[in-house]
Structures are given as C-alpha cells and as structure tokens.
Amino acid sequence: QGQLVESGGGLVQAGGSLIISCRASRVILSTFNRYVMNWYRQAPGKQREFVASITSSHTKNYAESVKGRFTISRDNSRKTIWLQMNDLREEDTDVYYCKGDKTWGKGTQVPVHT
C-alpha cells in the first residue's frame, strides 16, 4: 500500500514563508501519475479543511483563504508535491496533511507566531 510522508513543517513568523513537501513511496510511478494530489489542514478541535489540489497535468485548485499566498506544485518523476506558503498568518497555524487517492500522510505541523 502506498505511503505519503510530509516534511518541512516548523515554526514560522507571521508574514514569513515556508515550503512543505510530501513524497509518495511504495507506489509505482504510473499509479502516482493518476492521483490528484491534495493538501489539507486541521487545527485542534476543528474539521480538516481543503487547502489545494493539483492534477497530474498540473491543473491547480485552491481554497479561497489561501489563494494568492500558497502555491501547490508537483514533480511526477519524483512522486513529490510541495506547498509553497507565503505571507503566512496566525490563522494558517495547523497540521498540514497530504492526500492522494484514499491515502493520507501523517501530517506536518506549521505553527505561525506573531
């Protein structure tokens, strides 16, 4: 079964930038290439919410709250996606999860402090 592993989270100051990544393993390239890859986020006590998605052909979709600040990208040959986050706000503080097909990663924390 495929696995997704996020990395790159960490404490960041409001107004700053951070890039997080998610790499797929135990999945063949042709399978990965079929996945629409997603980023979600979740704060304690809140529902997990959609952040961004990207198809294999690089069609992107974003939540309204992050449009213009976050950029999702992928490299199919590396079975990896990224989320570039700029102009971070305190309300962006969450655990960020990668999702592909029905598989979720374990998340990476992004605390934003003022």
C-alpha atoms as a PDB file:
ATOM      1  CA  GLN A   1       0.000   0.000   0.000  1.00  0.00           C
ATOM      2  CA  GLY A   2       1.258   3.433  -0.849  1.00  0.00           C
ATOM      3  CA  GLN A   3       2.518   5.818   1.774  1.00  0.00           C
ATOM      4  CA  LEU A   4       2.727   9.588   1.887  1.00  0.00           C
ATOM      5  CA  VAL A   5       5.270  11.345   4.063  1.00  0.00           C
ATOM      6  CA  GLU A   6       5.170  15.073   4.685  1.00  0.00           C
ATOM      7  CA  SER A   7       8.161  17.133   5.709  1.00  0.00           C
ATOM      8  CA  GLY A   8       9.286  20.715   6.077  1.00  0.00           C
ATOM      9  CA  GLY A   9       6.962  21.968   8.771  1.00  0.00           C
ATOM     10  CA  GLY A  10       8.179  24.189  11.557  1.00  0.00           C
ATOM     11  CA  LEU A  11       7.738  27.409  13.469  1.00  0.00           C
ATOM     12  CA  VAL A  12       7.476  30.464  11.247  1.00  0.00           C
ATOM     13  CA  GLN A  13       6.828  34.121  11.907  1.00  0.00           C
ATOM     14  CA  ALA A  14       3.698  35.792  10.619  1.00  0.00           C
ATOM     15  CA  GLY A  15       4.395  37.304   7.221  1.00  0.00           C
ATOM     16  CA  GLY A  16       7.043  34.719   6.535  1.00  0.00           C
ATOM     17  CA  SER A  17       7.245  31.856   4.091  1.00  0.00           C
ATOM     18  CA  LEU A  18       7.609  28.125   4.317  1.00  0.00           C
ATOM     19  CA  ILE A  19       7.610  25.256   1.874  1.00  0.00           C
ATOM     20  CA  ILE A  20       6.407  21.808   2.852  1.00  0.00           C
ATOM     21  CA  SER A  21       6.675  18.657   0.794  1.00  0.00           C
ATOM     22  CA  CYS A  22       5.039  15.274   0.502  1.00  0.00           C
ATOM     23  CA  ARG A  23       6.679  12.269  -1.062  1.00  0.00           C
ATOM     24  CA  ALA A  24       4.908   9.093  -2.082  1.00  0.00           C
ATOM     25  CA  SER A  25       6.525   5.717  -1.533  1.00  0.00           C
ATOM     26  CA  ARG A  26       5.502   2.149  -2.191  1.00  0.00           C
ATOM     27  CA  VAL A  27       3.559   3.304  -5.219  1.00  0.00           C
ATOM     28  CA  ILE A  28       4.623   2.883  -8.809  1.00  0.00           C
ATOM     29  CA  LEU A  29       5.047   5.954 -10.925  1.00  0.00           C
ATOM     30  CA  SER A  30       2.128   5.227 -13.245  1.00  0.00           C
ATOM     31  CA  THR A  31      -0.179   4.967 -10.254  1.00  0.00           C
ATOM     32  CA  PHE A  32       1.106   8.182  -8.726  1.00  0.00           C
ATOM     33  CA  ASN A  33       0.607   9.942 -12.029  1.00  0.00           C
ATOM     34  CA  ARG A  34      -3.100   9.144 -11.895  1.00  0.00           C
ATOM     35  CA  TYR A  35      -3.555  10.738  -8.487  1.00  0.00           C
ATOM     36  CA  VAL A  36      -4.979  14.137  -7.895  1.00  0.00           C
ATOM     37  CA  MET A  37      -2.747  15.212  -5.020  1.00  0.00           C
ATOM     38  CA  ASN A  38      -4.093  17.375  -2.250  1.00  0.00           C
ATOM     39  CA  TRP A  39      -3.109  19.396   0.770  1.00  0.00           C
ATOM     40  CA  TYR A  40      -5.473  19.648   3.703  1.00  0.00           C
ATOM     41  CA  ARG A  41      -5.042  21.212   7.097  1.00  0.00           C
ATOM     42  CA  GLN A  42      -6.546  20.805  10.511  1.00  0.00           C
ATOM     43  CA  ALA A  43      -6.434  22.788  13.714  1.00  0.00           C
ATOM     44  CA  PRO A  44      -7.127  21.186  17.095  1.00  0.00           C
ATOM     45  CA  GLY A  45     -10.841  20.746  17.621  1.00  0.00           C
ATOM     46  CA  LYS A  46     -11.695  21.711  14.067  1.00  0.00           C
ATOM     47  CA  GLN A  47     -12.599  19.806  10.942  1.00  0.00           C
ATOM     48  CA  ARG A  48      -9.938  19.048   8.386  1.00  0.00           C
ATOM     49  CA  GLU A  49     -10.227  21.501   5.517  1.00  0.00           C
ATOM     50  CA  PHE A  50      -9.116  21.522   1.923  1.00  0.00           C
ATOM     51  CA  VAL A  51      -6.188  23.756   1.037  1.00  0.00           C
ATOM     52  CA  ALA A  52      -5.101  22.957  -2.508  1.00  0.00           C
ATOM     53  CA  SER A  53      -5.053  20.258  -5.149  1.00  0.00           C
ATOM     54  CA  ILE A  54      -3.095  19.508  -8.297  1.00  0.00           C
ATOM     55  CA  THR A  55      -3.762  17.032 -11.072  1.00  0.00           C
ATOM     56  CA  SER A  56      -1.122  15.074 -12.919  1.00  0.00           C
ATOM     57  CA  SER A  57      -1.320  17.628 -15.715  1.00  0.00           C
ATOM     58  CA  HIS A  58      -0.787  20.415 -13.155  1.00  0.00           C
ATOM     59  CA  THR A  59      -4.282  21.832 -13.040  1.00  0.00           C
ATOM     60  CA  LYS A  60      -4.493  23.549  -9.655  1.00  0.00           C
ATOM     61  CA  ASN A  61      -7.276  24.434  -7.291  1.00  0.00           C
ATOM     62  CA  TYR A  62      -7.112  26.438  -4.073  1.00  0.00           C
ATOM     63  CA  ALA A  63      -9.243  27.267  -1.091  1.00  0.00           C
ATOM     64  CA  GLU A  64     -10.292  30.910  -1.095  1.00  0.00           C
ATOM     65  CA  SER A  65      -8.444  31.531   2.150  1.00  0.00           C
ATOM     66  CA  VAL A  66      -5.048  30.739   0.600  1.00  0.00           C
ATOM     67  CA  LYS A  67      -5.445  31.961  -2.979  1.00  0.00           C
ATOM     68  CA  GLY A  68      -2.646  34.300  -3.961  1.00  0.00           C
ATOM     69  CA  ARG A  69      -0.499  33.233  -0.997  1.00  0.00           C
ATOM     70  CA  PHE A  70       0.002  29.473  -1.415  1.00  0.00           C
ATOM     71  CA  THR A  71       1.244  27.588  -4.458  1.00  0.00           C
ATOM     72  CA  ILE A  72       0.980  23.855  -4.974  1.00  0.00           C
ATOM     73  CA  SER A  73       3.336  22.043  -7.320  1.00  0.00           C
ATOM     74  CA  ARG A  74       4.366  18.519  -8.183  1.00  0.00           C
ATOM     75  CA  ASP A  75       7.128  16.566  -9.826  1.00  0.00           C
ATOM     76  CA  ASN A  76       5.725  13.300 -11.075  1.00  0.00           C
ATOM     77  CA  SER A  77       9.141  11.766 -11.698  1.00  0.00           C
ATOM     78  CA  ARG A  78       9.972  12.293  -8.023  1.00  0.00           C
ATOM     79  CA  LYS A  79       6.499  11.344  -6.806  1.00  0.00           C
ATOM     80  CA  THR A  80       6.553  14.504  -4.749  1.00  0.00           C
ATOM     81  CA  ILE A  81       4.346  17.520  -4.236  1.00  0.00           C
ATOM     82  CA  TRP A  82       5.079  20.802  -2.496  1.00  0.00           C
ATOM     83  CA  LEU A  83       3.148  23.620  -0.930  1.00  0.00           C
ATOM     84  CA  GLN A  84       4.842  26.998  -1.018  1.00  0.00           C
ATOM     85  CA  MET A  85       3.249  29.191   1.637  1.00  0.00           C
ATOM     86  CA  ASN A  86       3.855  32.931   1.597  1.00  0.00           C
ATOM     87  CA  ASP A  87       2.561  35.752   3.772  1.00  0.00           C
ATOM     88  CA  LEU A  88       1.681  33.293   6.498  1.00  0.00           C
ATOM     89  CA  ARG A  89      -0.881  34.352   9.062  1.00  0.00           C
ATOM     90  CA  GLU A  90      -1.594  33.170  12.561  1.00  0.00           C
ATOM     91  CA  GLU A  91      -4.789  31.550  11.283  1.00  0.00           C
ATOM     92  CA  ASP A  92      -2.690  29.344   8.986  1.00  0.00           C
ATOM     93  CA  THR A  93      -1.418  27.539  12.071  1.00  0.00           C
ATOM     94  CA  ASP A  94      -2.446  23.937  11.515  1.00  0.00           C
ATOM     95  CA  VAL A  95      -1.234  20.452  10.887  1.00  0.00           C
ATOM     96  CA  TYR A  96      -0.904  20.077   7.127  1.00  0.00           C
ATOM     97  CA  TYR A  97      -1.765  16.750   5.540  1.00  0.00           C
ATOM     98  CA  CYS A  98      -1.031  15.346   2.132  1.00  0.00           C
ATOM     99  CA  LYS A  99      -3.649  13.177   0.432  1.00  0.00           C
ATOM    100  CA  GLY A 100      -3.520  11.113  -2.707  1.00  0.00           C
ATOM    101  CA  ASP A 101      -6.419   8.887  -3.754  1.00  0.00           C
ATOM    102  CA  LYS A 102      -7.556   7.431  -0.392  1.00  0.00           C
ATOM    103  CA  THR A 103      -4.175   7.654   1.288  1.00  0.00           C
ATOM    104  CA  TRP A 104      -3.299  10.283   3.874  1.00  0.00           C
ATOM    105  CA  GLY A 105       0.045  11.269   5.282  1.00  0.00           C
ATOM    106  CA  LYS A 106       0.578  11.721   8.997  1.00  0.00           C
ATOM    107  CA  GLY A 107       0.892  15.465   8.753  1.00  0.00           C
ATOM    108  CA  THR A 108       3.450  18.142   9.425  1.00  0.00           C
ATOM    109  CA  GLN A 109       2.943  20.989  11.880  1.00  0.00           C
ATOM    110  CA  VAL A 110       3.094  24.599  10.831  1.00  0.00           C
ATOM    111  CA  PRO A 111       2.829  26.938  13.812  1.00  0.00           C
ATOM    112  CA  VAL A 112       2.729  30.608  12.822  1.00  0.00           C
ATOM    113  CA  HIS A 113       3.570  33.101  15.532  1.00  0.00           C
ATOM    114  CA  THR A 114       3.168  36.861  15.658  1.00  0.00           C
END
